[in-house]
PDB file of N, CA and C in Angstrom:
ATOM      1  N   UNK A   1     104.355   1.897 107.620  1.00  0.00           N
ATOM      2  CA  UNK A   1     103.719   3.261 107.299  1.00  0.00           C
ATOM      3  C   UNK A   1     103.195   3.578 108.476  1.00  0.00           C
ATOM      4  N   UNK A   2     102.880   4.885 109.036  1.00  0.00           N
ATOM      5  CA  UNK A   2     101.924   5.205 109.887  1.00  0.00           C
ATOM      6  C   UNK A   2     100.225   5.778 109.527  1.00  0.00           C
ATOM      7  N   UNK A   3      99.590   5.684 110.931  1.00  0.00           N
ATOM      8  CA  UNK A   3      98.393   5.572 110.301  1.00  0.00           C
ATOM      9  C   UNK A   3      97.972   7.088 110.477  1.00  0.00           C
ATOM     10  N   UNK A   4      97.107   7.407 109.630  1.00  0.00           N
ATOM     11  CA  UNK A   4      96.581   8.861 109.853  1.00  0.00           C
ATOM     12  C   UNK A   4      96.267   9.274 111.417  1.00  0.00           C
ATOM     13  N   UNK A   5      96.005   8.665 112.597  1.00  0.00           N
ATOM     14  CA  UNK A   5      95.600   9.296 113.706  1.00  0.00           C
ATOM     15  C   UNK A   5      96.812   9.413 114.591  1.00  0.00           C
ATOM     16  N   UNK A   6      97.561   8.529 113.893  1.00  0.00           N
ATOM     17  CA  UNK A   6      99.005   8.553 114.820  1.00  0.00           C
ATOM     18  C   UNK A   6     100.042   9.874 114.105  1.00  0.00           C
ATOM     19  N   UNK A   7      99.817  10.309 112.900  1.00  0.00           N
ATOM     20  CA  UNK A   7     100.473  11.048 112.123  1.00  0.00           C
ATOM     21  C   UNK A   7     100.013  12.558 112.725  1.00  0.00           C
ATOM     22  N   UNK A   8      98.865  12.564 113.313  1.00  0.00           N
ATOM     23  CA  UNK A   8      97.794  13.725 113.137  1.00  0.00           C
ATOM     24  C   UNK A   8      98.593  13.999 114.824  1.00  0.00           C
ATOM     25  N   UNK A   9      98.260  12.840 115.829  1.00  0.00           N
ATOM     26  CA  UNK A   9      99.226  13.271 117.113  1.00  0.00           C
ATOM     27  C   UNK A   9     100.473  13.439 117.203  1.00  0.00           C
ATOM     28  N   UNK A  10     101.216  13.044 116.222  1.00  0.00           N
ATOM     29  CA  UNK A  10     102.869  13.765 116.145  1.00  0.00           C
ATOM     30  C   UNK A  10     102.786  14.759 115.597  1.00  0.00           C
ATOM     31  N   UNK A  11     101.857  15.227 114.735  1.00  0.00           N
ATOM     32  CA  UNK A  11     102.461  16.871 114.062  1.00  0.00           C
ATOM     33  C   UNK A  11     101.645  17.931 115.664  1.00  0.00           C
ATOM     34  N   UNK A  12     100.610  17.335 116.374  1.00  0.00           N
ATOM     35  CA  UNK A  12     100.507  18.302 116.940  1.00  0.00           C
ATOM     36  C   UNK A  12     101.545  17.788 117.894  1.00  0.00           C
ATOM     37  N   UNK A  13     101.783  17.038 118.543  1.00  0.00           N
ATOM     38  CA  UNK A  13     103.268  17.010 119.516  1.00  0.00           C
ATOM     39  C   UNK A  13     104.078  17.993 118.807  1.00  0.00           C
ATOM     40  N   UNK A  14     104.516  17.934 117.671  1.00  0.00           N
ATOM     41  CA  UNK A  14     105.782  18.693 116.871  1.00  0.00           C
ATOM     42  C   UNK A  14     105.324  20.587 117.424  1.00  0.00           C
ATOM     43  N   UNK A  15     103.890  20.453 117.190  1.00  0.00           N
ATOM     44  CA  UNK A  15     103.650  22.131 117.309  1.00  0.00           C
ATOM     45  C   UNK A  15     103.795  22.456 118.339  1.00  0.00           C
ATOM     46  N   UNK A  16     103.606  22.011 119.534  1.00  0.00           N
ATOM     47  CA  UNK A  16     103.727  22.160 120.809  1.00  0.00           C
ATOM     48  C   UNK A  16     105.334  22.606 121.388  1.00  0.00           C
ATOM     49  N   UNK A  17     106.045  21.946 120.494  1.00  0.00           N
ATOM     50  CA  UNK A  17     107.468  22.392 120.637  1.00  0.00           C
ATOM     51  C   UNK A  17     108.063  23.349 119.862  1.00  0.00           C
ATOM     52  N   UNK A  18     107.288  23.803 118.886  1.00  0.00           N
ATOM     53  CA  UNK A  18     107.504  24.718 118.229  1.00  0.00           C
ATOM     54  C   UNK A  18     107.628  26.413 119.216  1.00  0.00           C
ATOM     55  N   UNK A  19     108.685  26.850 119.040  1.00  0.00           N
ATOM     56  CA  UNK A  19     109.355  28.686 119.536  1.00  0.00           C
ATOM     57  C   UNK A  19     107.808  29.368 118.843  1.00  0.00           C
ATOM     58  N   UNK A  20     106.834  29.793 118.681  1.00  0.00           N
ATOM     59  CA  UNK A  20     106.176  30.969 118.060  1.00  0.00           C
ATOM     60  C   UNK A  20     106.709  31.805 118.613  1.00  0.00           C
ATOM     61  N   UNK A  21     106.783  33.316 117.305  1.00  0.00           N
ATOM     62  CA  UNK A  21     107.150  34.446 117.709  1.00  0.00           C
ATOM     63  C   UNK A  21     106.071  35.188 118.221  1.00  0.00           C
ATOM     64  N   UNK A  22     106.755  35.960 118.836  1.00  0.00           N
ATOM     65  CA  UNK A  22     105.962  36.868 120.137  1.00  0.00           C
ATOM     66  C   UNK A  22     105.344  38.092 118.993  1.00  0.00           C
ATOM     67  N   UNK A  23     104.109  38.337 119.201  1.00  0.00           N
ATOM     68  CA  UNK A  23     103.317  39.767 118.639  1.00  0.00           C
ATOM     69  C   UNK A  23     104.558  40.867 117.993  1.00  0.00           C
ATOM     70  N   UNK A  24     104.853  41.207 118.753  1.00  0.00           N
ATOM     71  CA  UNK A  24     106.067  42.096 119.035  1.00  0.00           C
ATOM     72  C   UNK A  24     107.128  42.143 117.377  1.00  0.00           C
ATOM     73  N   UNK A  25     107.616  40.860 117.783  1.00  0.00           N
ATOM     74  CA  UNK A  25     108.575  39.946 116.417  1.00  0.00           C
ATOM     75  C   UNK A  25     107.621  40.049 115.142  1.00  0.00           C
ATOM     76  N   UNK A  26     106.264  39.479 115.308  1.00  0.00           N
ATOM     77  CA  UNK A  26     105.440  38.770 114.244  1.00  0.00           C
ATOM     78  C   UNK A  26     104.891  40.232 113.434  1.00  0.00           C
ATOM     79  N   UNK A  27     104.578  41.338 113.615  1.00  0.00           N
ATOM     80  CA  UNK A  27     104.142  41.848 112.774  1.00  0.00           C
ATOM     81  C   UNK A  27     105.009  42.655 111.628  1.00  0.00           C
ATOM     82  N   UNK A  28     106.878  42.869 112.169  1.00  0.00           N
ATOM     83  CA  UNK A  28     107.594  43.117 110.842  1.00  0.00           C
ATOM     84  C   UNK A  28     107.549  42.498 110.110  1.00  0.00           C
ATOM     85  N   UNK A  29     107.431  41.241 110.477  1.00  0.00           N
ATOM     86  CA  UNK A  29     107.418  39.857 109.425  1.00  0.00           C
ATOM     87  C   UNK A  29     106.404  39.902 108.659  1.00  0.00           C
ATOM     88  N   UNK A  30     105.262  40.298 109.177  1.00  0.00           N
ATOM     89  CA  UNK A  30     104.042  40.166 107.906  1.00  0.00           C
ATOM     90  C   UNK A  30     104.070  41.625 107.199  1.00  0.00           C
ATOM     91  N   UNK A  31     104.945  42.517 107.924  1.00  0.00           N
ATOM     92  CA  UNK A  31     104.869  43.498 106.935  1.00  0.00           C
ATOM     93  C   UNK A  31     105.789  43.418 105.678  1.00  0.00           C
ATOM     94  N   UNK A  32     107.279  42.636 105.811  1.00  0.00           N
ATOM     95  CA  UNK A  32     108.174  42.519 105.032  1.00  0.00           C
ATOM     96  C   UNK A  32     107.214  41.403 104.069  1.00  0.00           C
ATOM     97  N   UNK A  33     106.819  40.480 104.297  1.00  0.00           N
ATOM     98  CA  UNK A  33     106.157  39.393 103.666  1.00  0.00           C
ATOM     99  C   UNK A  33     104.618  40.455 102.468  1.00  0.00           C
ATOM    100  N   UNK A  34     104.270  41.047 103.057  1.00  0.00           N
ATOM    101  CA  UNK A  34     103.159  41.487 102.604  1.00  0.00           C
ATOM    102  C   UNK A  34     103.736  42.469 101.396  1.00  0.00           C
ATOM    103  N   UNK A  35     104.892  43.068 102.118  1.00  0.00           N
ATOM    104  CA  UNK A  35     105.569  44.319 100.727  1.00  0.00           C
ATOM    105  C   UNK A  35     106.165  43.117  99.849  1.00  0.00           C
ATOM    106  N   UNK A  36     106.701  42.408  99.987  1.00  0.00           N
ATOM    107  CA  UNK A  36     106.819  41.603  98.915  1.00  0.00           C
ATOM    108  C   UNK A  36     106.186  41.148  97.903  1.00  0.00           C
ATOM    109  N   UNK A  37     104.938  40.463  98.558  1.00  0.00           N
ATOM    110  CA  UNK A  37     103.972  40.333  98.085  1.00  0.00           C
ATOM    111  C   UNK A  37     103.717  41.318  96.745  1.00  0.00           C
ATOM    112  N   UNK A  38     103.531  42.143  97.500  1.00  0.00           N
ATOM    113  CA  UNK A  38     102.752  43.746  96.313  1.00  0.00           C
ATOM    114  C   UNK A  38     103.734  43.910  95.457  1.00  0.00           C
ATOM    115  N   UNK A  39     105.067  44.015  95.842  1.00  0.00           N
ATOM    116  CA  UNK A  39     106.329  44.413  95.008  1.00  0.00           C
ATOM    117  C   UNK A  39     106.207  43.429  93.816  1.00  0.00           C
ATOM    118  N   UNK A  40     105.827  41.954  94.318  1.00  0.00           N
ATOM    119  CA  UNK A  40     106.063  40.872  93.037  1.00  0.00           C
ATOM    120  C   UNK A  40     104.929  40.982  92.076  1.00  0.00           C
ATOM    121  N   UNK A  41     103.659  41.202  93.067  1.00  0.00           N
ATOM    122  CA  UNK A  41     102.391  41.157  91.938  1.00  0.00           C
ATOM    123  C   UNK A  41     102.532  42.713  90.757  1.00  0.00           C
ATOM    124  N   UNK A  42     102.909  43.512  91.401  1.00  0.00           N
ATOM    125  CA  UNK A  42     103.688  44.919  90.465  1.00  0.00           C
ATOM    126  C   UNK A  42     104.201  44.401  89.479  1.00  0.00           C
ATOM    127  N   UNK A  43     105.251  43.700  90.083  1.00  0.00           N
ATOM    128  CA  UNK A  43     106.301  43.416  88.711  1.00  0.00           C
ATOM    129  C   UNK A  43     105.834  42.700  87.676  1.00  0.00           C
ATOM    130  N   UNK A  44     104.684  41.542  88.408  1.00  0.00           N
ATOM    131  CA  UNK A  44     104.855  40.353  87.316  1.00  0.00           C
ATOM    132  C   UNK A  44     103.225  41.152  86.156  1.00  0.00           C
ATOM    133  N   UNK A  45     102.240  42.230  86.653  1.00  0.00           N
ATOM    134  CA  UNK A  45     101.287  42.895  85.806  1.00  0.00           C
ATOM    135  C   UNK A  45     102.260  44.000  84.961  1.00  0.00           C
ATOM    136  N   UNK A  46     102.810  44.352  85.557  1.00  0.00           N
ATOM    137  CA  UNK A  46     104.358  44.831  84.281  1.00  0.00           C
ATOM    138  C   UNK A  46     105.053  44.331  83.717  1.00  0.00           C
ATOM    139  N   UNK A  47     105.163  43.357  83.706  1.00  0.00           N
ATOM    140  CA  UNK A  47     105.749  42.380  82.963  1.00  0.00           C
ATOM    141  C   UNK A  47     105.141  41.637  81.721  1.00  0.00           C
ATOM    142  N   UNK A  48     103.602  41.903  82.621  1.00  0.00           N
ATOM    143  CA  UNK A  48     102.725  40.741  81.582  1.00  0.00           C
ATOM    144  C   UNK A  48     102.017  41.921  80.415  1.00  0.00           C
ATOM    145  N   UNK A  49     101.763  43.515  81.009  1.00  0.00           N
ATOM    146  CA  UNK A  49     101.698  44.261  80.105  1.00  0.00           C
ATOM    147  C   UNK A  49     102.801  44.197  79.236  1.00  0.00           C
ATOM    148  N   UNK A  50     103.774  44.395  79.419  1.00  0.00           N
ATOM    149  CA  UNK A  50     105.148  44.645  78.075  1.00  0.00           C
ATOM    150  C   UNK A  50     104.825  43.467  77.194  1.00  0.00           C
ATOM    151  N   UNK A  51     104.861  42.365  77.652  1.00  0.00           N
ATOM    152  CA  UNK A  51     104.706  41.333  76.828  1.00  0.00           C
ATOM    153  C   UNK A  51     103.448  41.306  76.107  1.00  0.00           C
ATOM    154  N   UNK A  52     102.670  42.062  76.486  1.00  0.00           N
ATOM    155  CA  UNK A  52     101.467  41.790  75.667  1.00  0.00           C
ATOM    156  C   UNK A  52     101.281  42.940  74.779  1.00  0.00           C
ATOM    157  N   UNK A  53     101.636  44.207  74.806  1.00  0.00           N
ATOM    158  CA  UNK A  53     102.256  45.238  74.305  1.00  0.00           C
ATOM    159  C   UNK A  53     103.552  44.911  72.428  1.00  0.00           C
ATOM    160  N   UNK A  54     104.018  43.974  73.531  1.00  0.00           N
ATOM    161  CA  UNK A  54     105.396  43.480  72.110  1.00  0.00           C
ATOM    162  C   UNK A  54     104.421  42.244  71.489  1.00  0.00           C
ATOM    163  N   UNK A  55     103.817  41.250  71.583  1.00  0.00           N
ATOM    164  CA  UNK A  55     102.833  40.564  71.041  1.00  0.00           C
ATOM    165  C   UNK A  55     102.061  41.304  70.006  1.00  0.00           C
ATOM    166  N   UNK A  56     101.307  42.406  70.866  1.00  0.00           N
ATOM    167  CA  UNK A  56     100.022  43.587  69.594  1.00  0.00           C
ATOM    168  C   UNK A  56     101.222  43.611  68.490  1.00  0.00           C
ATOM    169  N   UNK A  57     102.728  44.181  69.000  1.00  0.00           N
ATOM    170  CA  UNK A  57     103.010  44.665  67.776  1.00  0.00           C
ATOM    171  C   UNK A  57     103.669  44.314  66.951  1.00  0.00           C
ATOM    172  N   UNK A  58     104.012  42.608  67.008  1.00  0.00           N
ATOM    173  CA  UNK A  58     104.672  41.674  66.366  1.00  0.00           C
ATOM    174  C   UNK A  58     103.436  41.287  65.024  1.00  0.00           C
ATOM    175  N   UNK A  59     102.424  41.386  65.830  1.00  0.00           N
ATOM    176  CA  UNK A  59     101.197  41.014  65.615  1.00  0.00           C
ATOM    177  C   UNK A  59     100.670  41.782  64.459  1.00  0.00           C
ATOM    178  N   UNK A  60     100.735  43.188  64.675  1.00  0.00           N
ATOM    179  CA  UNK A  60     100.640  44.122  63.548  1.00  0.00           C
ATOM    180  C   UNK A  60     101.449  44.325  62.509  1.00  0.00           C
ATOM    181  N   UNK A  61     102.635  44.052  63.123  1.00  0.00           N
ATOM    182  CA  UNK A  61     104.006  44.188  62.145  1.00  0.00           C
ATOM    183  C   UNK A  61     103.528  42.953  60.947  1.00  0.00           C
ATOM    184  N   UNK A  62     103.641  41.166  61.232  1.00  0.00           N
ATOM    185  CA  UNK A  62     103.848  41.094  60.381  1.00  0.00           C
ATOM    186  C   UNK A  62     102.000  40.462  60.240  1.00  0.00           C
ATOM    187  N   UNK A  63     101.179  40.936  60.239  1.00  0.00           N
ATOM    188  CA  UNK A  63      99.309  40.460  59.975  1.00  0.00           C
ATOM    189  C   UNK A  63      99.255  39.473  60.309  1.00  0.00           C
ATOM    190  N   UNK A  64      99.573  38.964  61.541  1.00  0.00           N
ATOM    191  CA  UNK A  64      99.243  37.662  62.410  1.00  0.00           C
ATOM    192  C   UNK A  64      97.727  37.854  62.742  1.00  0.00           C
TER     193      UNK A  64
END
């Protein structure tokens, strides 16, 4: 088992080897991530509202 200090040194060493994207390539990727996150958030809100409506209708129908 490695010590925490050695682990952090290896992480830093590996981080220096990574090819980080340029700003020109980074911004389109950020835009895609934001668009997908917004789409998922809107979808989940609509799904939640639909489920809530169905549950309320079932409660009204069966007197729960």
